[in-house]
Amino acid sequence: MSHTSDWQANVHLVEKGRTTRVSVDLDTGSTHITGHGMARRNPTDNDVPAIGDELATARALESLAQQLKRTAYQDMTAAGNREQQTADTM
């Protein structure tokens, strides 16, 4: 059986002062998940906004990945499959 689908992801970045906050919204068509991330610039660091954007986005994507794995494991259990949990599921 082959399967093709398109998922939509949107990344929203907001920088205020020394803090960058990011949310990544993922819409799979049947599930909507949002990951959040934040980065703070040390007052002694140079002001390079791209670094805060990258770090906060990476953290939001990590949050999203954890939620997506939990959703997949729940779906596996609901489908009658044995849940395959590893150390990275929590």
C-alpha atoms as a PDB file:
ATOM      1  CA  MET A   1       0.000   0.000   0.000  1.00  0.00           C
ATOM      2  CA  SER A   2       1.426   3.395  -0.916  1.00  0.00           C
ATOM      3  CA  HIS A   3       0.539   6.595   0.851  1.00  0.00           C
ATOM      4  CA  THR A   4       1.196  10.252   0.067  1.00  0.00           C
ATOM      5  CA  SER A   5       0.252  13.276   2.148  1.00  0.00           C
ATOM      6  CA  ASP A   6       1.212  16.899   2.583  1.00  0.00           C
ATOM      7  CA  TRP A   7       1.652  18.403   6.015  1.00  0.00           C
ATOM      8  CA  GLN A   8       1.755  22.129   6.636  1.00  0.00           C
ATOM      9  CA  ALA A   9       4.149  23.697   9.130  1.00  0.00           C
ATOM     10  CA  ASN A  10       4.334  27.359  10.115  1.00  0.00           C
ATOM     11  CA  VAL A  11       7.097  28.928  12.170  1.00  0.00           C
ATOM     12  CA  HIS A  12       6.268  32.104  14.117  1.00  0.00           C
ATOM     13  CA  LEU A  13       9.159  34.079  15.632  1.00  0.00           C
ATOM     14  CA  VAL A  14       8.871  37.047  17.997  1.00  0.00           C
ATOM     15  CA  GLU A  15      11.878  38.868  19.398  1.00  0.00           C
ATOM     16  CA  LYS A  16      11.370  41.237  22.291  1.00  0.00           C
ATOM     17  CA  GLY A  17      14.361  42.676  24.055  1.00  0.00           C
ATOM     18  CA  ARG A  18      16.869  39.880  24.604  1.00  0.00           C
ATOM     19  CA  THR A  19      14.252  37.102  24.306  1.00  0.00           C
ATOM     20  CA  THR A  20      13.146  35.247  21.197  1.00  0.00           C
ATOM     21  CA  ARG A  21      10.033  33.084  21.352  1.00  0.00           C
ATOM     22  CA  VAL A  22       9.019  30.655  18.629  1.00  0.00           C
ATOM     23  CA  SER A  23       5.989  28.512  17.983  1.00  0.00           C
ATOM     24  CA  VAL A  24       5.907  25.883  15.269  1.00  0.00           C
ATOM     25  CA  ASP A  25       2.428  24.813  14.199  1.00  0.00           C
ATOM     26  CA  LEU A  26       2.088  21.470  12.412  1.00  0.00           C
ATOM     27  CA  ASP A  27      -1.152  20.507  10.663  1.00  0.00           C
ATOM     28  CA  THR A  28      -1.229  16.916   9.404  1.00  0.00           C
ATOM     29  CA  GLY A  29      -4.792  17.125   8.194  1.00  0.00           C
ATOM     30  CA  SER A  30      -5.978  15.002  11.106  1.00  0.00           C
ATOM     31  CA  THR A  31      -3.829  16.377  13.926  1.00  0.00           C
ATOM     32  CA  HIS A  32      -2.671  19.844  14.923  1.00  0.00           C
ATOM     33  CA  ILE A  33       0.394  20.137  17.170  1.00  0.00           C
ATOM     34  CA  THR A  34       2.286  23.223  18.343  1.00  0.00           C
ATOM     35  CA  GLY A  35       5.849  23.212  19.637  1.00  0.00           C
ATOM     36  CA  HIS A  36       7.277  26.131  21.617  1.00  0.00           C
ATOM     37  CA  GLY A  37      10.838  27.302  22.086  1.00  0.00           C
ATOM     38  CA  MET A  38      12.646  30.245  23.609  1.00  0.00           C
ATOM     39  CA  ALA A  39      16.149  31.707  23.603  1.00  0.00           C
ATOM     40  CA  ARG A  40      17.593  34.504  25.728  1.00  0.00           C
ATOM     41  CA  ARG A  41      20.660  36.514  24.823  1.00  0.00           C
ATOM     42  CA  ASN A  42      23.156  37.037  27.589  1.00  0.00           C
ATOM     43  CA  PRO A  43      23.595  40.792  28.188  1.00  0.00           C
ATOM     44  CA  THR A  44      27.329  40.439  27.522  1.00  0.00           C
ATOM     45  CA  ASP A  45      26.835  38.700  24.134  1.00  0.00           C
ATOM     46  CA  ASN A  46      26.822  40.522  20.807  1.00  0.00           C
ATOM     47  CA  ASP A  47      23.344  41.246  19.420  1.00  0.00           C
ATOM     48  CA  VAL A  48      22.987  38.694  16.591  1.00  0.00           C
ATOM     49  CA  PRO A  49      19.246  38.075  16.147  1.00  0.00           C
ATOM     50  CA  ALA A  50      19.774  35.116  13.792  1.00  0.00           C
ATOM     51  CA  ILE A  51      21.336  33.105  16.626  1.00  0.00           C
ATOM     52  CA  GLY A  52      18.305  33.581  18.875  1.00  0.00           C
ATOM     53  CA  ASP A  53      16.011  32.700  15.964  1.00  0.00           C
ATOM     54  CA  GLU A  54      17.928  29.502  15.255  1.00  0.00           C
ATOM     55  CA  LEU A  55      18.167  28.371  18.866  1.00  0.00           C
ATOM     56  CA  ALA A  56      14.542  29.139  19.746  1.00  0.00           C
ATOM     57  CA  THR A  57      13.348  27.445  16.548  1.00  0.00           C
ATOM     58  CA  ALA A  58      15.463  24.358  17.241  1.00  0.00           C
ATOM     59  CA  ARG A  59      13.937  24.132  20.712  1.00  0.00           C
ATOM     60  CA  ALA A  60      10.420  24.517  19.307  1.00  0.00           C
ATOM     61  CA  LEU A  61      11.090  21.762  16.768  1.00  0.00           C
ATOM     62  CA  GLU A  62      12.392  19.488  19.534  1.00  0.00           C
ATOM     63  CA  SER A  63       9.183  20.136  21.478  1.00  0.00           C
ATOM     64  CA  LEU A  64       7.136  19.404  18.366  1.00  0.00           C
ATOM     65  CA  ALA A  65       9.055  16.175  17.715  1.00  0.00           C
ATOM     66  CA  GLN A  66       8.414  14.913  21.253  1.00  0.00           C
ATOM     67  CA  GLN A  67       4.698  15.641  20.947  1.00  0.00           C
ATOM     68  CA  LEU A  68       4.514  13.997  17.525  1.00  0.00           C
ATOM     69  CA  LYS A  69       6.187  10.845  18.853  1.00  0.00           C
ATOM     70  CA  ARG A  70       3.756  10.699  21.783  1.00  0.00           C
ATOM     71  CA  THR A  71       0.871  11.036  19.337  1.00  0.00           C
ATOM     72  CA  ALA A  72       2.281   8.251  17.167  1.00  0.00           C
ATOM     73  CA  TYR A  73       2.712   5.934  20.156  1.00  0.00           C
ATOM     74  CA  GLN A  74      -0.858   6.637  21.281  1.00  0.00           C
ATOM     75  CA  ASP A  75      -2.101   5.902  17.765  1.00  0.00           C
ATOM     76  CA  MET A  76      -0.098   2.662  17.712  1.00  0.00           C
ATOM     77  CA  THR A  77      -1.698   1.557  20.959  1.00  0.00           C
ATOM     78  CA  ALA A  78      -5.184   2.525  19.752  1.00  0.00           C
ATOM     79  CA  ALA A  79      -4.597   0.500  16.576  1.00  0.00           C
ATOM     80  CA  GLY A  80      -3.799  -2.562  18.684  1.00  0.00           C
ATOM     81  CA  ASN A  81      -0.048  -2.452  18.093  1.00  0.00           C
ATOM     82  CA  ARG A  82       2.432  -2.856  20.899  1.00  0.00           C
ATOM     83  CA  GLU A  83       3.779   0.540  21.940  1.00  0.00           C
ATOM     84  CA  GLN A  84       7.469   0.933  21.110  1.00  0.00           C
ATOM     85  CA  GLN A  85       8.801   3.292  23.740  1.00  0.00           C
ATOM     86  CA  THR A  86      12.444   4.209  23.970  1.00  0.00           C
ATOM     87  CA  ALA A  87      14.358   6.570  26.200  1.00  0.00           C
ATOM     88  CA  ASP A  88      13.643   9.468  23.838  1.00  0.00           C
ATOM     89  CA  THR A  89       9.838   9.197  24.136  1.00  0.00           C
ATOM     90  CA  MET A  90       9.564  11.245  27.274  1.00  0.00           C
END
